[in-house]
Amino acid sequence: MHQRGSEVVLCTAGGITLHQGMSDASTATVTLSAGQYFVSEL
């Protein structure tokens, strides 16, 4: 978690699954393939 900004994750090759802990204790999951990106907003 970043207190003062957003986070960008870029998958450059292969694939990746991101698991983000939310403030309500739930978990958000995002799967990216090469060339895809995800922006985690505050």
N, C-alpha and C. Protein backbone atom coordinates (compact mmCIF):
# COMPACT_ATOMS: atom_id res chain seq x y z
N MET A 1 0.85 -1.18 0.00
CA MET A 1 0.00 0.00 0.00
C MET A 1 0.89 1.24 0.00
N HIS A 2 0.55 2.19 -0.85
CA HIS A 2 1.31 3.42 -0.95
C HIS A 2 0.43 4.57 -0.45
N GLN A 3 0.90 5.25 0.54
CA GLN A 3 0.11 6.28 1.19
C GLN A 3 -0.09 7.53 0.35
N ARG A 4 0.83 7.83 -0.55
CA ARG A 4 0.76 9.12 -1.25
C ARG A 4 0.75 8.99 -2.77
N GLY A 5 0.30 7.91 -3.28
CA GLY A 5 0.29 7.78 -4.73
C GLY A 5 -0.22 6.43 -5.18
N SER A 6 -0.26 6.27 -6.47
CA SER A 6 -0.71 5.04 -7.08
C SER A 6 0.49 4.16 -7.41
N GLU A 7 0.21 2.89 -7.69
CA GLU A 7 1.26 1.94 -8.04
C GLU A 7 0.93 1.36 -9.41
N VAL A 8 1.95 1.26 -10.27
CA VAL A 8 1.78 0.66 -11.59
C VAL A 8 2.62 -0.61 -11.64
N VAL A 9 2.00 -1.71 -12.10
CA VAL A 9 2.71 -2.96 -12.30
C VAL A 9 2.59 -3.31 -13.77
N LEU A 10 3.71 -3.52 -14.45
CA LEU A 10 3.75 -3.86 -15.87
C LEU A 10 4.35 -5.25 -16.03
N CYS A 11 3.65 -6.12 -16.71
CA CYS A 11 4.16 -7.46 -17.00
C CYS A 11 4.88 -7.40 -18.34
N THR A 12 6.18 -7.61 -18.34
CA THR A 12 6.98 -7.49 -19.57
C THR A 12 7.13 -8.80 -20.32
N ALA A 13 6.99 -9.94 -19.63
CA ALA A 13 7.11 -11.25 -20.27
C ALA A 13 6.40 -12.29 -19.41
N GLY A 14 5.85 -13.30 -20.05
CA GLY A 14 5.19 -14.37 -19.29
C GLY A 14 3.88 -13.92 -18.71
N GLY A 15 3.67 -14.23 -17.45
CA GLY A 15 2.44 -13.85 -16.77
C GLY A 15 2.67 -13.69 -15.29
N ILE A 16 1.77 -13.01 -14.63
CA ILE A 16 1.89 -12.77 -13.20
C ILE A 16 0.48 -12.64 -12.61
N THR A 17 0.31 -13.13 -11.40
CA THR A 17 -0.93 -12.95 -10.67
C THR A 17 -0.62 -12.11 -9.44
N LEU A 18 -1.35 -11.00 -9.29
CA LEU A 18 -1.17 -10.08 -8.17
C LEU A 18 -2.29 -10.29 -7.17
N HIS A 19 -1.94 -10.30 -5.90
CA HIS A 19 -2.92 -10.38 -4.82
C HIS A 19 -2.74 -9.13 -3.96
N GLN A 20 -3.78 -8.31 -3.89
CA GLN A 20 -3.70 -7.04 -3.17
C GLN A 20 -4.63 -7.08 -1.96
N GLY A 21 -4.06 -6.86 -0.78
CA GLY A 21 -4.86 -6.77 0.43
C GLY A 21 -5.57 -5.43 0.49
N MET A 22 -6.87 -5.46 0.70
CA MET A 22 -7.68 -4.26 0.75
C MET A 22 -7.88 -3.81 2.19
N SER A 23 -8.31 -2.57 2.38
CA SER A 23 -8.47 -2.01 3.72
C SER A 23 -9.57 -2.72 4.52
N ASP A 24 -10.50 -3.39 3.84
CA ASP A 24 -11.56 -4.12 4.55
C ASP A 24 -11.19 -5.59 4.80
N ALA A 25 -9.92 -5.93 4.66
CA ALA A 25 -9.35 -7.26 4.89
C ALA A 25 -9.67 -8.25 3.76
N SER A 26 -10.34 -7.83 2.69
CA SER A 26 -10.56 -8.70 1.54
C SER A 26 -9.30 -8.68 0.67
N THR A 27 -9.28 -9.54 -0.33
CA THR A 27 -8.15 -9.61 -1.25
C THR A 27 -8.64 -9.47 -2.68
N ALA A 28 -8.01 -8.59 -3.46
CA ALA A 28 -8.31 -8.44 -4.88
C ALA A 28 -7.21 -9.17 -5.66
N THR A 29 -7.60 -9.92 -6.69
CA THR A 29 -6.65 -10.67 -7.49
C THR A 29 -6.75 -10.22 -8.94
N VAL A 30 -5.59 -9.97 -9.56
CA VAL A 30 -5.51 -9.56 -10.96
C VAL A 30 -4.45 -10.42 -11.64
N THR A 31 -4.78 -10.97 -12.80
CA THR A 31 -3.82 -11.75 -13.57
C THR A 31 -3.45 -10.98 -14.83
N LEU A 32 -2.14 -10.81 -15.05
CA LEU A 32 -1.64 -10.07 -16.20
C LEU A 32 -0.83 -10.98 -17.11
N SER A 33 -0.90 -10.70 -18.40
CA SER A 33 -0.06 -11.36 -19.42
C SER A 33 0.93 -10.34 -19.93
N ALA A 34 1.92 -10.80 -20.70
CA ALA A 34 2.93 -9.92 -21.25
C ALA A 34 2.31 -8.73 -21.97
N GLY A 35 2.77 -7.52 -21.64
CA GLY A 35 2.28 -6.30 -22.25
C GLY A 35 1.11 -5.65 -21.53
N GLN A 36 0.55 -6.33 -20.54
CA GLN A 36 -0.56 -5.76 -19.78
C GLN A 36 -0.04 -5.07 -18.54
N TYR A 37 -0.84 -4.14 -18.02
CA TYR A 37 -0.47 -3.42 -16.81
C TYR A 37 -1.65 -3.26 -15.89
N PHE A 38 -1.37 -2.92 -14.64
CA PHE A 38 -2.39 -2.70 -13.64
C PHE A 38 -2.01 -1.46 -12.85
N VAL A 39 -2.99 -0.56 -12.63
CA VAL A 39 -2.76 0.63 -11.81
C VAL A 39 -3.57 0.48 -10.55
N SER A 40 -2.91 0.49 -9.42
CA SER A 40 -3.57 0.40 -8.12
C SER A 40 -3.81 1.82 -7.63
N GLU A 41 -5.06 2.23 -7.64
CA GLU A 41 -5.42 3.59 -7.22
C GLU A 41 -5.62 3.62 -5.72
N LEU A 42 -5.48 4.79 -5.16
CA LEU A 42 -5.75 4.96 -3.72
C LEU A 42 -7.22 4.96 -3.46
